[in-house]
Amino acid sequence: MFTPLWSGLGGKLGERWGPLLTSPALGFWTGGVLAWAGGHGGLTGPESGWHALRHAWSLNMGGLSATAQALMAVLAVLVVAASARLGEALTLPVLRLLEGYWPRWTSPVRAVLVRARAKSIDRRAERWRQLARNRTRLAPDEYAEFTALNQARAWVPPVPRDRMPTGLGDALKAAESRPRLRYGMEAAVCWPHLWLSLPEQAQAEVAAARARLDEAARLWMWSLLLVVWTVFTWWVLPVAWLGAIVGYRLARAEAMQYGQLVQASFDLYRKDLYERLGWELPTDPSRAYETGRRLTAYLERGPLLDETTRGHE
């Protein structure tokens, strides 16, 4: 009679602890163990750090009962789980850091990076224009270059003042700025309302893309934190550097995917947002921009009081 109960409990535990096995937090602590072993005799050989680790465990824990040792193992798992939860709580600040939203005192550095990126963007734009003028006569390698440059243009904010000091920041900013430029709708203001208007399948797609972006940001964070284990051995530093590079590149790629889905949500479902708010979606494209601006102002500040009402106040 208890079989269904234990089966259900096992399934819940698998759902709960399964993601921990692939969490970057577990990689961080595993890296710490490997670094300790590497710094106390190496990872292989008769005098490797694993012998030192077993000796340290026997010296400090060998006298404990089996129950106490099991509790210590459970405590270690809880430490990993707690650190993974802390990493999840820090995901948004880490992502903002990767985007380029830095403290005010870093403004000079930020300005230098934005200018340096602007020069590179301008060079690529000029090359794209050169190739575009001869698009029908391009050689295969030139056409491949043109295609790559054309794709890169999609992830640069069209308005220079929107540009960020990082490629990831530019990708998300470009996605955020397009609803404003196309429809007069500020993405930061309209997105929460639009999100609630999306069908379940669209919400699932966007949520999955955002989850992958967050996971890549956490990979970058935990890779960077690996540097603390250099107190045991030097080779942790290149591993941390490589992990941070991989994490950032993954985050940038996932940011593009997420940005595409956000843009598509505005393109396909803004009509639903208008209808749910009781607004009429303009059929005239020339009026769509101004109507979108008024909708943004409505969502941000509420209905505006007319001049007579404000005068009585």
C-alpha atoms as a PDB file:
ATOM      1  CA  MET A   1       0.000   0.000   0.000  1.00  0.00           C
ATOM      2  CA  PHE A   2       2.980   2.322   0.513  1.00  0.00           C
ATOM      3  CA  THR A   3       4.427   1.671  -2.960  1.00  0.00           C
ATOM      4  CA  PRO A   4       2.595   4.591  -4.676  1.00  0.00           C
ATOM      5  CA  LEU A   5       3.591   6.888  -1.813  1.00  0.00           C
ATOM      6  CA  TRP A   6       7.295   6.062  -2.043  1.00  0.00           C
ATOM      7  CA  SER A   7       7.147   6.138  -5.831  1.00  0.00           C
ATOM      8  CA  GLY A   8       5.632   9.613  -5.766  1.00  0.00           C
ATOM      9  CA  LEU A   9       8.122  10.786  -3.139  1.00  0.00           C
ATOM     10  CA  GLY A  10      11.016   9.441  -5.189  1.00  0.00           C
ATOM     11  CA  GLY A  11       9.734  11.260  -8.245  1.00  0.00           C
ATOM     12  CA  LYS A  12       9.442  14.528  -6.310  1.00  0.00           C
ATOM     13  CA  LEU A  13      12.946  14.145  -4.938  1.00  0.00           C
ATOM     14  CA  GLY A  14      14.228  13.447  -8.439  1.00  0.00           C
ATOM     15  CA  GLU A  15      12.541  16.626  -9.696  1.00  0.00           C
ATOM     16  CA  ARG A  16      13.961  18.566  -6.761  1.00  0.00           C
ATOM     17  CA  TRP A  17      17.532  17.293  -6.713  1.00  0.00           C
ATOM     18  CA  GLY A  18      17.980  16.276 -10.339  1.00  0.00           C
ATOM     19  CA  PRO A  19      18.794  19.820 -11.544  1.00  0.00           C
ATOM     20  CA  LEU A  20      21.369  20.089  -8.749  1.00  0.00           C
ATOM     21  CA  LEU A  21      23.501  17.445 -10.481  1.00  0.00           C
ATOM     22  CA  THR A  22      23.905  19.736 -13.507  1.00  0.00           C
ATOM     23  CA  SER A  23      24.073  22.985 -11.549  1.00  0.00           C
ATOM     24  CA  PRO A  24      27.147  25.215 -11.985  1.00  0.00           C
ATOM     25  CA  ALA A  25      27.165  25.449  -8.182  1.00  0.00           C
ATOM     26  CA  LEU A  26      28.020  21.741  -7.974  1.00  0.00           C
ATOM     27  CA  GLY A  27      30.778  22.329 -10.513  1.00  0.00           C
ATOM     28  CA  PHE A  28      32.127  25.129  -8.329  1.00  0.00           C
ATOM     29  CA  TRP A  29      32.388  22.932  -5.230  1.00  0.00           C
ATOM     30  CA  THR A  30      33.692  19.988  -7.243  1.00  0.00           C
ATOM     31  CA  GLY A  31      36.321  22.317  -8.647  1.00  0.00           C
ATOM     32  CA  GLY A  32      37.266  23.233  -5.097  1.00  0.00           C
ATOM     33  CA  VAL A  33      37.789  19.585  -4.177  1.00  0.00           C
ATOM     34  CA  LEU A  34      39.866  18.987  -7.305  1.00  0.00           C
ATOM     35  CA  ALA A  35      41.925  22.114  -6.634  1.00  0.00           C
ATOM     36  CA  TRP A  36      42.572  21.024  -3.035  1.00  0.00           C
ATOM     37  CA  ALA A  37      43.645  17.583  -4.183  1.00  0.00           C
ATOM     38  CA  GLY A  38      45.815  19.085  -6.913  1.00  0.00           C
ATOM     39  CA  GLY A  39      47.505  21.375  -4.432  1.00  0.00           C
ATOM     40  CA  HIS A  40      48.208  18.567  -1.957  1.00  0.00           C
ATOM     41  CA  GLY A  41      50.126  16.115  -4.100  1.00  0.00           C
ATOM     42  CA  GLY A  42      48.425  16.253  -7.490  1.00  0.00           C
ATOM     43  CA  LEU A  43      45.495  14.387  -8.968  1.00  0.00           C
ATOM     44  CA  THR A  44      47.363  11.181  -9.857  1.00  0.00           C
ATOM     45  CA  GLY A  45      50.149   9.055  -8.484  1.00  0.00           C
ATOM     46  CA  PRO A  46      50.802   7.253  -5.203  1.00  0.00           C
ATOM     47  CA  GLU A  47      51.250  10.531  -3.318  1.00  0.00           C
ATOM     48  CA  SER A  48      48.268  12.278  -4.901  1.00  0.00           C
ATOM     49  CA  GLY A  49      45.985  14.625  -3.044  1.00  0.00           C
ATOM     50  CA  TRP A  50      43.295  11.944  -2.870  1.00  0.00           C
ATOM     51  CA  HIS A  51      45.390  10.065  -0.326  1.00  0.00           C
ATOM     52  CA  ALA A  52      45.756  13.284   1.643  1.00  0.00           C
ATOM     53  CA  LEU A  53      41.991  13.828   1.407  1.00  0.00           C
ATOM     54  CA  ARG A  54      41.237  10.330   2.720  1.00  0.00           C
ATOM     55  CA  HIS A  55      43.743  10.860   5.513  1.00  0.00           C
ATOM     56  CA  ALA A  56      42.169  14.192   6.445  1.00  0.00           C
ATOM     57  CA  TRP A  57      38.699  12.632   6.427  1.00  0.00           C
ATOM     58  CA  SER A  58      39.857   9.708   8.603  1.00  0.00           C
ATOM     59  CA  LEU A  59      41.632  12.065  10.985  1.00  0.00           C
ATOM     60  CA  ASN A  60      38.696  14.416  11.456  1.00  0.00           C
ATOM     61  CA  MET A  61      35.653  12.245  10.754  1.00  0.00           C
ATOM     62  CA  GLY A  62      36.863   8.705  11.245  1.00  0.00           C
ATOM     63  CA  GLY A  63      35.897   8.686  14.910  1.00  0.00           C
ATOM     64  CA  LEU A  64      32.327   9.660  14.188  1.00  0.00           C
ATOM     65  CA  SER A  65      29.516   7.151  13.971  1.00  0.00           C
ATOM     66  CA  ALA A  66      28.069   6.094  10.626  1.00  0.00           C
ATOM     67  CA  THR A  67      25.012   8.229  11.350  1.00  0.00           C
ATOM     68  CA  ALA A  68      27.140  11.302  12.020  1.00  0.00           C
ATOM     69  CA  GLN A  69      29.137  10.740   8.839  1.00  0.00           C
ATOM     70  CA  ALA A  70      25.880  10.391   6.874  1.00  0.00           C
ATOM     71  CA  LEU A  71      24.673  13.664   8.400  1.00  0.00           C
ATOM     72  CA  MET A  72      27.900  15.330   7.317  1.00  0.00           C
ATOM     73  CA  ALA A  73      27.311  14.097   3.780  1.00  0.00           C
ATOM     74  CA  VAL A  74      23.760  15.457   3.896  1.00  0.00           C
ATOM     75  CA  LEU A  75      25.127  18.768   5.178  1.00  0.00           C
ATOM     76  CA  ALA A  76      27.502  18.922   2.217  1.00  0.00           C
ATOM     77  CA  VAL A  77      24.584  18.383  -0.169  1.00  0.00           C
ATOM     78  CA  LEU A  78      22.626  21.114   1.605  1.00  0.00           C
ATOM     79  CA  VAL A  79      25.553  23.519   1.246  1.00  0.00           C
ATOM     80  CA  VAL A  80      25.636  22.872  -2.495  1.00  0.00           C
ATOM     81  CA  ALA A  81      21.846  23.285  -2.723  1.00  0.00           C
ATOM     82  CA  ALA A  82      21.919  26.516  -0.721  1.00  0.00           C
ATOM     83  CA  SER A  83      24.697  27.952  -2.873  1.00  0.00           C
ATOM     84  CA  ALA A  84      22.749  26.996  -6.001  1.00  0.00           C
ATOM     85  CA  ARG A  85      19.706  28.818  -4.608  1.00  0.00           C
ATOM     86  CA  LEU A  86      21.854  31.842  -3.824  1.00  0.00           C
ATOM     87  CA  GLY A  87      23.157  31.764  -7.381  1.00  0.00           C
ATOM     88  CA  GLU A  88      19.582  31.822  -8.667  1.00  0.00           C
ATOM     89  CA  ALA A  89      18.827  34.846  -6.493  1.00  0.00           C
ATOM     90  CA  LEU A  90      21.868  36.639  -7.937  1.00  0.00           C
ATOM     91  CA  THR A  91      21.012  35.838 -11.557  1.00  0.00           C
ATOM     92  CA  LEU A  92      19.355  39.157 -12.352  1.00  0.00           C
ATOM     93  CA  PRO A  93      22.171  41.332 -10.925  1.00  0.00           C
ATOM     94  CA  VAL A  94      24.741  39.188 -12.751  1.00  0.00           C
ATOM     95  CA  LEU A  95      22.808  39.491 -16.003  1.00  0.00           C
ATOM     96  CA  ARG A  96      22.570  43.261 -15.577  1.00  0.00           C
ATOM     97  CA  LEU A  97      26.319  43.314 -15.022  1.00  0.00           C
ATOM     98  CA  LEU A  98      26.905  41.372 -18.237  1.00  0.00           C
ATOM     99  CA  GLU A  99      24.600  43.759 -20.097  1.00  0.00           C
ATOM    100  CA  GLY A 100      26.636  46.777 -19.006  1.00  0.00           C
ATOM    101  CA  TYR A 101      24.438  48.359 -16.317  1.00  0.00           C
ATOM    102  CA  TRP A 102      27.307  49.282 -14.026  1.00  0.00           C
ATOM    103  CA  PRO A 103      27.639  51.638 -11.021  1.00  0.00           C
ATOM    104  CA  ARG A 104      27.870  55.362 -11.717  1.00  0.00           C
ATOM    105  CA  TRP A 105      31.537  55.533 -10.716  1.00  0.00           C
ATOM    106  CA  THR A 106      32.389  53.265 -13.679  1.00  0.00           C
ATOM    107  CA  SER A 107      30.936  55.774 -16.171  1.00  0.00           C
ATOM    108  CA  PRO A 108      34.357  56.718 -17.679  1.00  0.00           C
ATOM    109  CA  VAL A 109      35.176  53.057 -18.358  1.00  0.00           C
ATOM    110  CA  ARG A 110      31.706  52.470 -19.753  1.00  0.00           C
ATOM    111  CA  ALA A 111      32.024  55.473 -22.072  1.00  0.00           C
ATOM    112  CA  VAL A 112      35.389  54.252 -23.382  1.00  0.00           C
ATOM    113  CA  LEU A 113      33.978  50.795 -24.122  1.00  0.00           C
ATOM    114  CA  VAL A 114      30.895  52.217 -25.853  1.00  0.00           C
ATOM    115  CA  ARG A 115      33.088  54.436 -28.063  1.00  0.00           C
ATOM    116  CA  ALA A 116      35.406  51.521 -28.884  1.00  0.00           C
ATOM    117  CA  ARG A 117      32.434  49.337 -29.795  1.00  0.00           C
ATOM    118  CA  ALA A 118      30.957  52.196 -31.847  1.00  0.00           C
ATOM    119  CA  LYS A 119      34.092  52.352 -33.998  1.00  0.00           C
ATOM    120  CA  SER A 120      33.913  48.628 -34.664  1.00  0.00           C
ATOM    121  CA  ILE A 121      30.181  48.850 -35.397  1.00  0.00           C
ATOM    122  CA  ASP A 122      30.754  51.737 -37.818  1.00  0.00           C
ATOM    123  CA  ARG A 123      33.489  49.813 -39.658  1.00  0.00           C
ATOM    124  CA  ARG A 124      31.210  46.808 -40.063  1.00  0.00           C
ATOM    125  CA  ALA A 125      28.342  49.049 -41.191  1.00  0.00           C
ATOM    126  CA  GLU A 126      30.521  50.685 -43.839  1.00  0.00           C
ATOM    127  CA  ARG A 127      31.661  47.287 -45.086  1.00  0.00           C
ATOM    128  CA  TRP A 128      28.026  46.116 -45.176  1.00  0.00           C
ATOM    129  CA  ARG A 129      27.069  49.143 -47.300  1.00  0.00           C
ATOM    130  CA  GLN A 130      29.910  48.445 -49.712  1.00  0.00           C
ATOM    131  CA  LEU A 131      28.785  44.851 -50.162  1.00  0.00           C
ATOM    132  CA  ALA A 132      25.097  45.810 -50.334  1.00  0.00           C
ATOM    133  CA  ARG A 133      25.711  48.113 -53.288  1.00  0.00           C
ATOM    134  CA  ASN A 134      27.039  45.133 -55.284  1.00  0.00           C
ATOM    135  CA  ARG A 135      24.827  42.459 -53.756  1.00  0.00           C
ATOM    136  CA  THR A 136      23.928  40.794 -57.050  1.00  0.00           C
ATOM    137  CA  ARG A 137      27.563  40.525 -58.140  1.00  0.00           C
ATOM    138  CA  LEU A 138      29.183  39.255 -54.957  1.00  0.00           C
ATOM    139  CA  ALA A 139      31.540  36.293 -54.973  1.00  0.00           C
ATOM    140  CA  PRO A 140      30.577  33.378 -52.666  1.00  0.00           C
ATOM    141  CA  ASP A 141      32.985  34.448 -49.908  1.00  0.00           C
ATOM    142  CA  GLU A 142      31.797  38.064 -50.163  1.00  0.00           C
ATOM    143  CA  TYR A 143      28.172  36.970 -50.005  1.00  0.00           C
ATOM    144  CA  ALA A 144      28.928  34.913 -46.890  1.00  0.00           C
ATOM    145  CA  GLU A 145      30.547  37.995 -45.357  1.00  0.00           C
ATOM    146  CA  PHE A 146      27.539  40.110 -46.336  1.00  0.00           C
ATOM    147  CA  THR A 147      25.149  37.609 -44.730  1.00  0.00           C
ATOM    148  CA  ALA A 148      27.156  37.564 -41.492  1.00  0.00           C
ATOM    149  CA  LEU A 149      27.291  41.367 -41.356  1.00  0.00           C
ATOM    150  CA  ASN A 150      23.581  41.585 -42.087  1.00  0.00           C
ATOM    151  CA  GLN A 151      22.809  39.248 -39.198  1.00  0.00           C
ATOM    152  CA  ALA A 152      25.114  41.184 -36.873  1.00  0.00           C
ATOM    153  CA  ARG A 153      23.283  44.447 -37.709  1.00  0.00           C
ATOM    154  CA  ALA A 154      20.113  43.005 -36.191  1.00  0.00           C
ATOM    155  CA  TRP A 155      21.780  42.940 -32.767  1.00  0.00           C
ATOM    156  CA  VAL A 156      22.983  46.527 -32.675  1.00  0.00           C
ATOM    157  CA  PRO A 157      20.555  49.160 -31.332  1.00  0.00           C
ATOM    158  CA  PRO A 158      19.667  51.441 -34.264  1.00  0.00           C
ATOM    159  CA  VAL A 159      19.795  54.556 -32.066  1.00  0.00           C
ATOM    160  CA  PRO A 160      23.391  55.254 -30.896  1.00  0.00           C
ATOM    161  CA  ARG A 161      22.302  56.471 -27.452  1.00  0.00           C
ATOM    162  CA  ASP A 162      20.853  53.018 -26.747  1.00  0.00           C
ATOM    163  CA  ARG A 163      24.143  51.222 -27.273  1.00  0.00           C
ATOM    164  CA  MET A 164      25.733  49.298 -24.436  1.00  0.00           C
ATOM    165  CA  PRO A 165      29.373  48.513 -23.547  1.00  0.00           C
ATOM    166  CA  THR A 166      28.935  44.761 -24.142  1.00  0.00           C
ATOM    167  CA  GLY A 167      27.699  42.639 -27.020  1.00  0.00           C
ATOM    168  CA  LEU A 168      25.162  40.929 -24.780  1.00  0.00           C
ATOM    169  CA  GLY A 169      23.842  44.307 -23.665  1.00  0.00           C
ATOM    170  CA  ASP A 170      23.532  45.450 -27.273  1.00  0.00           C
ATOM    171  CA  ALA A 171      21.618  42.293 -28.228  1.00  0.00           C
ATOM    172  CA  LEU A 172      19.020  42.749 -25.486  1.00  0.00           C
ATOM    173  CA  LYS A 173      18.850  46.514 -26.012  1.00  0.00           C
ATOM    174  CA  ALA A 174      18.244  46.030 -29.743  1.00  0.00           C
ATOM    175  CA  ALA A 175      15.345  43.680 -28.983  1.00  0.00           C
ATOM    176  CA  GLU A 176      14.005  46.115 -26.386  1.00  0.00           C
ATOM    177  CA  SER A 177      14.178  49.136 -28.702  1.00  0.00           C
ATOM    178  CA  ARG A 178      12.408  47.649 -31.716  1.00  0.00           C
ATOM    179  CA  PRO A 179       8.858  47.751 -30.263  1.00  0.00           C
ATOM    180  CA  ARG A 180       9.444  51.442 -29.534  1.00  0.00           C
ATOM    181  CA  LEU A 181      10.753  52.210 -33.011  1.00  0.00           C
ATOM    182  CA  ARG A 182       8.082  50.156 -34.804  1.00  0.00           C
ATOM    183  CA  TYR A 183       5.002  50.643 -32.671  1.00  0.00           C
ATOM    184  CA  GLY A 184       5.811  53.414 -30.185  1.00  0.00           C
ATOM    185  CA  MET A 185       5.611  50.863 -27.351  1.00  0.00           C
ATOM    186  CA  GLU A 186       8.266  50.894 -24.636  1.00  0.00           C
ATOM    187  CA  ALA A 187       9.124  47.249 -24.035  1.00  0.00           C
ATOM    188  CA  ALA A 188      10.044  47.740 -20.362  1.00  0.00           C
ATOM    189  CA  VAL A 189       6.604  49.250 -19.658  1.00  0.00           C
ATOM    190  CA  CYS A 190       4.406  47.138 -21.932  1.00  0.00           C
ATOM    191  CA  TRP A 191       6.044  43.732 -21.557  1.00  0.00           C
ATOM    192  CA  PRO A 192       4.465  42.650 -18.217  1.00  0.00           C
ATOM    193  CA  HIS A 193       0.993  43.366 -19.605  1.00  0.00           C
ATOM    194  CA  LEU A 194       1.771  41.762 -22.952  1.00  0.00           C
ATOM    195  CA  TRP A 195       3.180  38.694 -21.190  1.00  0.00           C
ATOM    196  CA  LEU A 196      -0.154  38.091 -19.475  1.00  0.00           C
ATOM    197  CA  SER A 197      -1.883  38.361 -22.855  1.00  0.00           C
ATOM    198  CA  LEU A 198       0.256  35.696 -24.526  1.00  0.00           C
ATOM    199  CA  PRO A 199      -1.141  32.196 -25.130  1.00  0.00           C
ATOM    200  CA  GLU A 200       0.321  29.405 -23.033  1.00  0.00           C
ATOM    201  CA  GLN A 201       2.516  28.020 -25.802  1.00  0.00           C
ATOM    202  CA  ALA A 202       4.086  31.422 -26.459  1.00  0.00           C
ATOM    203  CA  GLN A 203       4.651  31.941 -22.738  1.00  0.00           C
ATOM    204  CA  ALA A 204       6.333  28.539 -22.504  1.00  0.00           C
ATOM    205  CA  GLU A 205       8.683  29.339 -25.406  1.00  0.00           C
ATOM    206  CA  VAL A 206       9.661  32.712 -23.969  1.00  0.00           C
ATOM    207  CA  ALA A 207      10.068  31.313 -20.447  1.00  0.00           C
ATOM    208  CA  ALA A 208      12.290  28.490 -21.700  1.00  0.00           C
ATOM    209  CA  ALA A 209      14.500  30.938 -23.603  1.00  0.00           C
ATOM    210  CA  ARG A 210      14.782  33.170 -20.545  1.00  0.00           C
ATOM    211  CA  ALA A 211      15.651  30.172 -18.357  1.00  0.00           C
ATOM    212  CA  ARG A 212      18.493  29.243 -20.716  1.00  0.00           C
ATOM    213  CA  LEU A 213      19.753  32.827 -20.641  1.00  0.00           C
ATOM    214  CA  ASP A 214      19.686  32.846 -16.836  1.00  0.00           C
ATOM    215  CA  GLU A 215      21.503  29.503 -16.670  1.00  0.00           C
ATOM    216  CA  ALA A 216      24.261  30.807 -18.960  1.00  0.00           C
ATOM    217  CA  ALA A 217      24.629  33.891 -16.752  1.00  0.00           C
ATOM    218  CA  ARG A 218      24.992  31.654 -13.702  1.00  0.00           C
ATOM    219  CA  LEU A 219      27.604  29.576 -15.519  1.00  0.00           C
ATOM    220  CA  TRP A 220      29.597  32.763 -16.094  1.00  0.00           C
ATOM    221  CA  MET A 221      29.244  33.749 -12.432  1.00  0.00           C
ATOM    222  CA  TRP A 222      30.282  30.381 -10.986  1.00  0.00           C
ATOM    223  CA  SER A 223      33.167  30.112 -13.448  1.00  0.00           C
ATOM    224  CA  LEU A 224      34.422  33.486 -12.311  1.00  0.00           C
ATOM    225  CA  LEU A 225      34.112  32.449  -8.657  1.00  0.00           C
ATOM    226  CA  LEU A 226      36.369  29.456  -9.330  1.00  0.00           C
ATOM    227  CA  VAL A 227      39.243  31.925  -9.038  1.00  0.00           C
ATOM    228  CA  VAL A 228      39.007  31.617  -5.231  1.00  0.00           C
ATOM    229  CA  TRP A 229      40.403  28.080  -5.496  1.00  0.00           C
ATOM    230  CA  THR A 230      43.700  29.406  -6.869  1.00  0.00           C
ATOM    231  CA  VAL A 231      44.809  29.464  -3.221  1.00  0.00           C
ATOM    232  CA  PHE A 232      45.297  25.705  -3.672  1.00  0.00           C
ATOM    233  CA  THR A 233      46.693  25.485  -7.200  1.00  0.00           C
ATOM    234  CA  TRP A 234      47.401  27.759 -10.155  1.00  0.00           C
ATOM    235  CA  TRP A 235      45.655  25.793 -12.915  1.00  0.00           C
ATOM    236  CA  VAL A 236      42.248  26.824 -11.624  1.00  0.00           C
ATOM    237  CA  LEU A 237      42.812  30.279 -13.149  1.00  0.00           C
ATOM    238  CA  PRO A 238      42.784  29.210 -16.842  1.00  0.00           C
ATOM    239  CA  VAL A 239      39.856  26.873 -16.141  1.00  0.00           C
ATOM    240  CA  ALA A 240      37.915  29.768 -14.605  1.00  0.00           C
ATOM    241  CA  TRP A 241      38.815  32.028 -17.515  1.00  0.00           C
ATOM    242  CA  LEU A 242      37.702  29.431 -20.079  1.00  0.00           C
ATOM    243  CA  GLY A 243      34.451  28.803 -18.209  1.00  0.00           C
ATOM    244  CA  ALA A 244      33.706  32.530 -18.048  1.00  0.00           C
ATOM    245  CA  ILE A 245      34.289  32.897 -21.797  1.00  0.00           C
ATOM    246  CA  VAL A 246      32.028  29.935 -22.577  1.00  0.00           C
ATOM    247  CA  GLY A 247      29.368  31.230 -20.173  1.00  0.00           C
ATOM    248  CA  TYR A 248      29.399  34.698 -21.720  1.00  0.00           C
ATOM    249  CA  ARG A 249      29.210  33.385 -25.283  1.00  0.00           C
ATOM    250  CA  LEU A 250      26.332  31.109 -24.354  1.00  0.00           C
ATOM    251  CA  ALA A 251      24.590  33.998 -22.602  1.00  0.00           C
ATOM    252  CA  ARG A 252      24.949  36.219 -25.673  1.00  0.00           C
ATOM    253  CA  ALA A 253      23.579  33.497 -27.958  1.00  0.00           C
ATOM    254  CA  GLU A 254      20.644  32.858 -25.624  1.00  0.00           C
ATOM    255  CA  ALA A 255      20.026  36.612 -25.331  1.00  0.00           C
ATOM    256  CA  MET A 256      19.576  36.755 -29.105  1.00  0.00           C
ATOM    257  CA  GLN A 257      17.104  33.877 -29.017  1.00  0.00           C
ATOM    258  CA  TYR A 258      15.210  35.456 -26.146  1.00  0.00           C
ATOM    259  CA  GLY A 259      15.218  38.840 -27.894  1.00  0.00           C
ATOM    260  CA  GLN A 260      13.801  37.322 -31.068  1.00  0.00           C
ATOM    261  CA  LEU A 261      10.922  35.814 -29.116  1.00  0.00           C
ATOM    262  CA  VAL A 262      10.205  39.107 -27.335  1.00  0.00           C
ATOM    263  CA  GLN A 263      10.132  40.927 -30.672  1.00  0.00           C
ATOM    264  CA  ALA A 264       7.870  38.258 -32.163  1.00  0.00           C
ATOM    265  CA  SER A 265       5.532  38.595 -29.171  1.00  0.00           C
ATOM    266  CA  PHE A 266       5.068  42.298 -29.884  1.00  0.00           C
ATOM    267  CA  ASP A 267       4.639  41.647 -33.610  1.00  0.00           C
ATOM    268  CA  LEU A 268       2.046  38.903 -33.195  1.00  0.00           C
ATOM    269  CA  TYR A 269       0.169  39.617 -29.972  1.00  0.00           C
ATOM    270  CA  ARG A 270       0.094  43.367 -29.415  1.00  0.00           C
ATOM    271  CA  LYS A 271      -3.455  43.278 -30.830  1.00  0.00           C
ATOM    272  CA  ASP A 272      -4.480  41.073 -27.903  1.00  0.00           C
ATOM    273  CA  LEU A 273      -2.987  43.587 -25.477  1.00  0.00           C
ATOM    274  CA  TYR A 274      -4.961  46.419 -27.080  1.00  0.00           C
ATOM    275  CA  GLU A 275      -8.166  44.400 -26.910  1.00  0.00           C
ATOM    276  CA  ARG A 276      -7.707  43.370 -23.273  1.00  0.00           C
ATOM    277  CA  LEU A 277      -7.137  46.997 -22.289  1.00  0.00           C
ATOM    278  CA  GLY A 278     -10.152  48.118 -24.254  1.00  0.00           C
ATOM    279  CA  TRP A 279      -8.106  50.042 -26.789  1.00  0.00           C
ATOM    280  CA  GLU A 280      -8.625  49.940 -30.542  1.00  0.00           C
ATOM    281  CA  LEU A 281      -5.631  48.809 -32.572  1.00  0.00           C
ATOM    282  CA  PRO A 282      -5.182  51.414 -35.329  1.00  0.00           C
ATOM    283  CA  THR A 283      -5.473  50.043 -38.848  1.00  0.00           C
ATOM    284  CA  ASP A 284      -3.560  52.968 -40.299  1.00  0.00           C
ATOM    285  CA  PRO A 285       0.201  52.293 -39.915  1.00  0.00           C
ATOM    286  CA  SER A 286       0.844  56.041 -39.708  1.00  0.00           C
ATOM    287  CA  ARG A 287      -1.220  56.201 -36.514  1.00  0.00           C
ATOM    288  CA  ALA A 288       0.167  53.029 -34.931  1.00  0.00           C
ATOM    289  CA  TYR A 289       3.294  54.712 -33.579  1.00  0.00           C
ATOM    290  CA  GLU A 290       1.480  57.571 -31.840  1.00  0.00           C
ATOM    291  CA  THR A 291      -1.161  55.204 -30.449  1.00  0.00           C
ATOM    292  CA  GLY A 292       1.590  52.979 -29.074  1.00  0.00           C
ATOM    293  CA  ARG A 293       3.167  55.961 -27.332  1.00  0.00           C
ATOM    294  CA  ARG A 294      -0.167  56.873 -25.736  1.00  0.00           C
ATOM    295  CA  LEU A 295      -0.676  53.264 -24.650  1.00  0.00           C
ATOM    296  CA  THR A 296       2.778  53.249 -23.047  1.00  0.00           C
ATOM    297  CA  ALA A 297       1.991  56.477 -21.189  1.00  0.00           C
ATOM    298  CA  TYR A 298      -1.324  54.986 -20.045  1.00  0.00           C
ATOM    299  CA  LEU A 299       0.342  51.847 -18.671  1.00  0.00           C
ATOM    300  CA  GLU A 300       3.145  53.819 -17.052  1.00  0.00           C
ATOM    301  CA  ARG A 301       1.183  56.670 -15.451  1.00  0.00           C
ATOM    302  CA  GLY A 302      -2.484  55.807 -15.815  1.00  0.00           C
ATOM    303  CA  PRO A 303      -5.194  57.953 -17.439  1.00  0.00           C
ATOM    304  CA  LEU A 304      -4.067  61.558 -17.768  1.00  0.00           C
ATOM    305  CA  LEU A 305      -6.271  64.182 -16.167  1.00  0.00           C
ATOM    306  CA  ASP A 306      -7.670  66.778 -18.526  1.00  0.00           C
ATOM    307  CA  GLU A 307      -6.748  70.424 -18.128  1.00  0.00           C
ATOM    308  CA  THR A 308     -10.034  71.332 -16.379  1.00  0.00           C
ATOM    309  CA  THR A 309      -9.667  68.628 -13.740  1.00  0.00           C
ATOM    310  CA  ARG A 310      -6.062  69.561 -13.077  1.00  0.00           C
ATOM    311  CA  GLY A 311      -7.068  73.192 -12.750  1.00  0.00           C
ATOM    312  CA  HIS A 312      -9.571  72.381  -9.988  1.00  0.00           C
ATOM    313  CA  GLU A 313      -6.902  70.460  -8.140  1.00  0.00           C
END
